[in-house]
């Protein structure tokens, strides 16, 4: 007999039971690439018996664009407490390691479907298979330093599909690689409204922000000496982080921003957290620096 809220083996990749111990991997890390919905429930909870099957069905219909982690609050109380779960069922959605939406109580299936589809949409739509090879080829050109050739290929793809977010982002990155920041920003500003919030375009927007900061960054040695002399000078530490990033020392920049956040998370209206998010958005979600940085930041936020 199937236990209440147990997960069939066939859905194990999309829907599974989570624990406090596995929360970091199942939710924080996994949501870097695919949005993750967390359902806090308990065996004695009547409304959970209604919501559980409805949300599982909606996740299955999304066909891999979103995952579901189910956490029994009786056996796992750490993250339920940190997320201030006061009644069940409570549902949170995570994207890029952060909670982005949620609700409490059982909802009608139609509203559950709408919620899951909204969260699944955060991952973006799959690329048109007919253009995938061309996009991959252009990305390879860019990786190999042939930015001008990549720009021509991305532009050609956009002639075929003017709302292709991957091609738009690639074209912007190509101009950034050519050190033409103004042209890159103009291209980004010209993207169709329907893709303006796509994660790929948000990533290149962050890259443009960092490129402009790099042009104004001060000398690393001078700023490092200032921080060493006065560790509590948070502005100097913030400036050092930007200078380090501008000089390609990404891990060091992230470490400085994490230390700034640890010292005063509210400094300058949360500037350290905002700068970390800009760096995370600008880089590949699977970059170890991003994964580790997000994990450390999340542990500080939830502590």
Protein backbone atom coordinates (compact mmCIF):
# COMPACT_ATOMS: atom_id res chain seq x y z
CA UNK A 1 0.00 0.00 0.00
CA UNK A 2 1.33 3.45 -0.90
CA UNK A 3 1.96 5.55 2.21
CA UNK A 4 0.41 9.02 2.41
CA UNK A 5 2.55 11.52 0.47
CA UNK A 6 5.00 8.79 -0.54
CA UNK A 7 6.62 9.30 -3.94
CA UNK A 8 6.39 6.70 -6.72
CA UNK A 9 9.77 5.57 -8.09
CA UNK A 10 8.87 6.78 -11.58
CA UNK A 11 8.73 10.38 -10.33
CA UNK A 12 11.85 10.23 -8.16
CA UNK A 13 13.73 12.80 -10.23
CA UNK A 14 10.95 15.39 -10.05
CA UNK A 15 9.19 14.61 -6.76
CA UNK A 16 10.85 13.28 -3.66
CA UNK A 17 10.87 13.41 0.12
CA UNK A 18 13.34 15.82 1.66
CA UNK A 19 14.95 16.24 5.06
CA UNK A 20 16.75 18.98 6.94
CA UNK A 21 20.02 17.22 6.07
CA UNK A 22 19.28 17.14 2.33
CA UNK A 23 17.71 20.63 2.11
CA UNK A 24 20.90 22.28 0.88
CA UNK A 25 21.37 19.87 -2.03
CA UNK A 26 17.70 19.22 -2.84
CA UNK A 27 16.53 22.83 -2.65
CA UNK A 28 19.29 25.45 -2.47
CA UNK A 29 21.63 23.86 -5.02
CA UNK A 30 18.99 22.24 -7.24
CA UNK A 31 17.10 25.53 -7.61
CA UNK A 32 20.12 27.12 -9.29
CA UNK A 33 19.07 25.37 -12.50
CA UNK A 34 15.42 24.32 -12.00
CA UNK A 35 12.88 26.01 -9.71
CA UNK A 36 12.06 23.89 -6.66
CA UNK A 37 8.76 23.84 -4.77
CA UNK A 38 8.90 22.75 -1.12
CA UNK A 39 5.74 21.31 0.45
CA UNK A 40 5.81 21.30 4.26
CA UNK A 41 3.26 18.71 5.44
CA UNK A 42 2.49 16.15 8.16
CA UNK A 43 0.72 12.79 8.22
CA UNK A 44 -1.99 14.06 10.59
CA UNK A 45 -2.78 17.12 8.44
CA UNK A 46 -6.15 16.82 6.69
CA UNK A 47 -5.66 19.61 4.09
CA UNK A 48 -2.26 18.08 3.22
CA UNK A 49 -4.09 15.01 1.91
CA UNK A 50 -5.83 17.24 -0.62
CA UNK A 51 -2.94 19.52 -1.55
CA UNK A 52 -0.29 16.79 -1.85
CA UNK A 53 -1.77 14.92 -4.83
CA UNK A 54 -2.80 18.18 -6.54
CA UNK A 55 0.67 19.71 -6.39
CA UNK A 56 2.31 16.43 -7.46
CA UNK A 57 0.04 16.25 -10.50
CA UNK A 58 0.82 19.86 -11.43
CA UNK A 59 4.57 19.26 -11.13
CA UNK A 60 4.31 16.17 -13.35
CA UNK A 61 2.46 18.20 -15.97
CA UNK A 62 5.30 20.73 -16.00
CA UNK A 63 7.53 17.96 -17.44
CA UNK A 64 10.79 18.75 -15.72
CA UNK A 65 10.58 22.54 -15.60
CA UNK A 66 10.05 22.45 -11.83
CA UNK A 67 10.77 19.99 -9.00
CA UNK A 68 8.93 19.19 -5.77
CA UNK A 69 10.48 18.40 -2.39
CA UNK A 70 8.11 17.22 0.36
CA UNK A 71 9.19 17.73 3.97
CA UNK A 72 7.44 16.13 6.94
CA UNK A 73 7.58 18.85 9.60
CA UNK A 74 7.23 16.37 12.45
CA UNK A 75 10.52 14.72 11.50
CA UNK A 76 12.27 17.82 10.10
CA UNK A 77 11.84 21.07 12.01
CA UNK A 78 14.98 23.08 11.27
CA UNK A 79 14.10 24.70 7.95
CA UNK A 80 10.40 24.81 8.80
CA UNK A 81 11.39 26.96 11.75
CA UNK A 82 13.79 29.14 9.78
CA UNK A 83 11.14 29.78 7.14
CA UNK A 84 8.59 30.54 9.88
CA UNK A 85 6.18 27.78 8.92
CA UNK A 86 3.37 28.30 11.44
CA UNK A 87 0.65 26.15 9.88
CA UNK A 88 0.50 23.38 7.33
CA UNK A 89 0.38 22.79 4.53
CA UNK A 90 2.80 25.58 3.70
CA UNK A 91 4.41 25.76 0.28
CA UNK A 92 7.53 27.72 -0.67
CA UNK A 93 9.05 28.08 -4.14
CA UNK A 94 12.82 28.51 -4.53
CA UNK A 95 14.71 29.88 -7.53
CA UNK A 96 18.45 30.52 -7.65
CA UNK A 97 18.74 29.46 -4.01
CA UNK A 98 16.20 31.96 -2.66
CA UNK A 99 12.51 31.72 -1.70
CA UNK A 100 10.53 33.61 -4.36
CA UNK A 101 6.88 32.75 -3.68
CA UNK A 102 4.60 30.60 -1.56
CA UNK A 103 1.22 30.06 0.06
CA UNK A 104 -0.44 28.44 3.07
CA UNK A 105 -3.38 26.03 3.16
CA UNK A 106 -4.94 23.82 0.53
CA UNK A 107 -5.90 25.47 -2.77
CA UNK A 108 -8.26 24.27 -5.51
CA UNK A 109 -6.45 22.24 -8.20
CA UNK A 110 -6.84 25.05 -10.74
CA UNK A 111 -4.99 27.48 -8.45
CA UNK A 112 -2.34 24.89 -7.68
CA UNK A 113 -1.81 24.39 -11.43
CA UNK A 114 -1.50 28.15 -11.93
CA UNK A 115 1.02 28.47 -9.09
CA UNK A 116 3.20 25.62 -10.36
CA UNK A 117 3.11 26.95 -13.94
CA UNK A 118 4.13 30.41 -12.72
CA UNK A 119 7.11 28.94 -10.86
CA UNK A 120 8.04 26.65 -13.76
CA UNK A 121 8.11 29.69 -16.06
CA UNK A 122 11.04 31.11 -14.06
CA UNK A 123 13.28 28.58 -15.80
CA UNK A 124 12.34 29.95 -19.22
CA UNK A 125 11.01 28.11 -22.23
CA UNK A 126 13.03 25.42 -24.04
CA UNK A 127 14.97 26.58 -27.07
CA UNK A 128 13.69 25.91 -30.58
CA UNK A 129 15.44 22.67 -31.58
CA UNK A 130 16.04 24.02 -35.08
CA UNK A 131 18.27 26.79 -33.73
CA UNK A 132 19.93 24.95 -30.86
CA UNK A 133 22.94 23.83 -32.91
CA UNK A 134 23.54 27.34 -34.23
CA UNK A 135 23.38 28.80 -30.72
CA UNK A 136 25.80 26.18 -29.42
CA UNK A 137 28.19 26.91 -32.28
CA UNK A 138 28.06 30.64 -31.60
CA UNK A 139 28.66 30.08 -27.89
CA UNK A 140 31.70 27.96 -28.76
CA UNK A 141 33.05 30.75 -30.98
CA UNK A 142 32.64 33.16 -28.08
CA UNK A 143 34.37 30.79 -25.66
CA UNK A 144 37.29 30.46 -28.09
CA UNK A 145 37.69 34.23 -28.37
CA UNK A 146 36.09 34.75 -31.77
CA UNK A 147 33.67 37.36 -30.46
CA UNK A 148 33.08 39.11 -33.80
CA UNK A 149 32.19 35.84 -35.54
CA UNK A 150 29.93 34.90 -32.63
CA UNK A 151 28.16 38.25 -32.87
CA UNK A 152 27.46 37.68 -36.57
CA UNK A 153 26.03 34.21 -35.85
CA UNK A 154 23.84 35.40 -32.98
CA UNK A 155 22.57 38.25 -35.16
CA UNK A 156 21.70 35.78 -37.91
CA UNK A 157 19.78 33.62 -35.43
CA UNK A 158 17.79 36.67 -34.35
CA UNK A 159 16.82 37.26 -37.97
CA UNK A 160 15.13 33.85 -37.83
CA UNK A 161 13.77 34.16 -34.29
CA UNK A 162 13.66 37.79 -33.07
CA UNK A 163 12.50 36.75 -29.58
CA UNK A 164 15.19 34.14 -28.94
CA UNK A 165 16.51 34.98 -25.46
CA UNK A 166 19.61 32.80 -25.79
CA UNK A 167 20.65 34.54 -29.02
CA UNK A 168 19.97 38.00 -27.57
CA UNK A 169 22.06 37.19 -24.51
CA UNK A 170 24.82 35.77 -26.71
CA UNK A 171 24.88 38.89 -28.86
CA UNK A 172 25.19 41.09 -25.77
CA UNK A 173 28.00 38.91 -24.39
CA UNK A 174 29.78 39.12 -27.73
CA UNK A 175 29.85 42.91 -27.62
CA UNK A 176 30.99 42.83 -24.00
CA UNK A 177 33.85 40.55 -25.09
CA UNK A 178 34.70 43.15 -27.73
CA UNK A 179 34.77 45.76 -24.92
CA UNK A 180 31.87 47.64 -26.51
CA UNK A 181 29.78 48.08 -23.38
CA UNK A 182 27.56 50.86 -24.73
CA UNK A 183 26.64 48.80 -27.80
CA UNK A 184 25.98 45.77 -25.60
CA UNK A 185 23.62 47.81 -23.43
CA UNK A 186 21.84 49.24 -26.47
CA UNK A 187 21.24 45.72 -27.80
CA UNK A 188 19.89 44.59 -24.44
CA UNK A 189 17.58 47.59 -24.23
CA UNK A 190 16.20 46.67 -27.65
CA UNK A 191 15.13 43.16 -26.61
CA UNK A 192 11.42 42.39 -27.11
CA UNK A 193 9.30 43.02 -24.02
CA UNK A 194 8.20 39.38 -23.82
CA UNK A 195 11.75 38.20 -23.08
CA UNK A 196 13.02 41.21 -21.12
CA UNK A 197 12.71 39.34 -17.80
CA UNK A 198 14.24 36.11 -19.08
CA UNK A 199 17.02 34.87 -16.73
CA UNK A 200 19.50 34.87 -19.64
CA UNK A 201 18.91 38.57 -20.25
CA UNK A 202 19.00 39.33 -16.55
CA UNK A 203 22.40 37.62 -16.50
CA UNK A 204 23.85 39.83 -19.24
CA UNK A 205 22.32 42.88 -17.57
CA UNK A 206 24.35 41.94 -14.49
CA UNK A 207 27.44 41.48 -16.68
CA UNK A 208 26.99 44.99 -18.08
CA UNK A 209 26.68 46.40 -14.55
CA UNK A 210 29.90 44.65 -13.51
CA UNK A 211 31.69 45.77 -16.69
CA UNK A 212 30.88 49.40 -15.94
CA UNK A 213 32.03 48.98 -12.34
CA UNK A 214 35.27 47.42 -13.56
CA UNK A 215 36.07 50.56 -15.53
CA UNK A 216 35.86 52.61 -12.31
CA UNK A 217 37.51 50.15 -9.91
CA UNK A 218 40.41 51.40 -7.82
CA UNK A 219 43.80 49.72 -7.34
CA UNK A 220 43.51 46.39 -5.53
CA UNK A 221 46.72 46.82 -3.53
CA UNK A 222 45.68 50.23 -2.22
CA UNK A 223 42.21 49.06 -1.23
CA UNK A 224 43.57 45.86 0.34
CA UNK A 225 45.92 47.91 2.49
CA UNK A 226 43.04 50.12 3.56
CA UNK A 227 40.93 47.12 4.60
CA UNK A 228 43.88 45.51 6.40
CA UNK A 229 44.45 48.73 8.34
CA UNK A 230 40.78 49.19 9.21
CA UNK A 231 38.73 45.96 8.87
CA UNK A 232 35.57 47.76 10.03
CA UNK A 233 35.70 50.16 7.05
CA UNK A 234 32.87 48.52 5.12
CA UNK A 235 32.98 50.96 2.22
CA UNK A 236 36.64 50.12 1.64
CA UNK A 237 35.80 46.40 1.78
CA UNK A 238 32.98 46.90 -0.73
CA UNK A 239 35.28 48.84 -3.07
CA UNK A 240 37.93 46.13 -2.68
CA UNK A 241 35.42 43.47 -3.71
CA UNK A 242 34.56 45.39 -6.88
CA UNK A 243 38.25 45.89 -7.68
CA UNK A 244 39.00 42.22 -7.14
CA UNK A 245 36.19 41.21 -9.49
CA UNK A 246 37.39 43.69 -12.10
CA UNK A 247 40.81 42.01 -11.96
CA UNK A 248 39.39 38.52 -12.44
CA UNK A 249 39.66 37.49 -8.78
CA UNK A 250 36.04 36.37 -8.53
CA UNK A 251 36.40 34.06 -5.53
CA UNK A 252 38.22 36.74 -3.54
CA UNK A 253 35.53 39.28 -4.44
CA UNK A 254 32.77 36.94 -3.26
CA UNK A 255 34.66 36.21 -0.04
CA UNK A 256 34.98 39.91 0.75
CA UNK A 257 31.27 40.51 0.11
CA UNK A 258 30.30 37.56 2.30
CA UNK A 259 32.49 38.94 5.09
CA UNK A 260 30.86 42.36 4.66
CA UNK A 261 27.41 40.75 4.86
CA UNK A 262 28.46 38.84 7.99
CA UNK A 263 29.60 42.06 9.65
CA UNK A 264 26.52 44.12 8.74
CA UNK A 265 23.91 42.66 6.40
CA UNK A 266 21.96 45.94 6.32
CA UNK A 267 24.91 48.18 5.46
CA UNK A 268 24.14 50.65 2.67
CA UNK A 269 20.64 49.19 2.15
CA UNK A 270 21.94 45.63 1.80
CA UNK A 271 24.60 46.50 -0.77
CA UNK A 272 26.70 43.40 -0.09
CA UNK A 273 23.81 41.04 -0.74
CA UNK A 274 22.78 42.97 -3.85
CA UNK A 275 26.34 42.88 -5.23
CA UNK A 276 26.58 39.15 -4.54
CA UNK A 277 23.35 38.58 -6.44
CA UNK A 278 24.70 40.65 -9.34
CA UNK A 279 27.82 38.46 -9.48
CA UNK A 280 25.79 35.25 -9.17
CA UNK A 281 23.40 36.34 -11.93
CA UNK A 282 26.28 37.29 -14.22
CA UNK A 283 27.94 33.88 -14.05
CA UNK A 284 26.96 30.34 -14.96
CA UNK A 285 24.59 28.91 -12.36
CA UNK A 286 26.76 25.76 -12.17
CA UNK A 287 29.98 27.69 -11.52
CA UNK A 288 31.43 26.29 -8.24
CA UNK A 289 32.07 29.84 -7.05
CA UNK A 290 28.39 30.63 -7.53
CA UNK A 291 27.16 27.39 -5.96
CA UNK A 292 29.39 27.75 -2.90
CA UNK A 293 28.72 31.46 -2.61
CA UNK A 294 24.96 31.00 -2.72
CA UNK A 295 25.16 28.21 -0.16
CA UNK A 296 27.19 30.34 2.25
CA UNK A 297 24.93 33.36 1.78
CA UNK A 298 21.80 31.25 2.32
CA UNK A 299 23.24 29.77 5.51
CA UNK A 300 23.83 33.30 6.80
CA UNK A 301 20.35 34.45 5.84
CA UNK A 302 18.63 31.45 7.43
CA UNK A 303 20.87 31.38 10.52
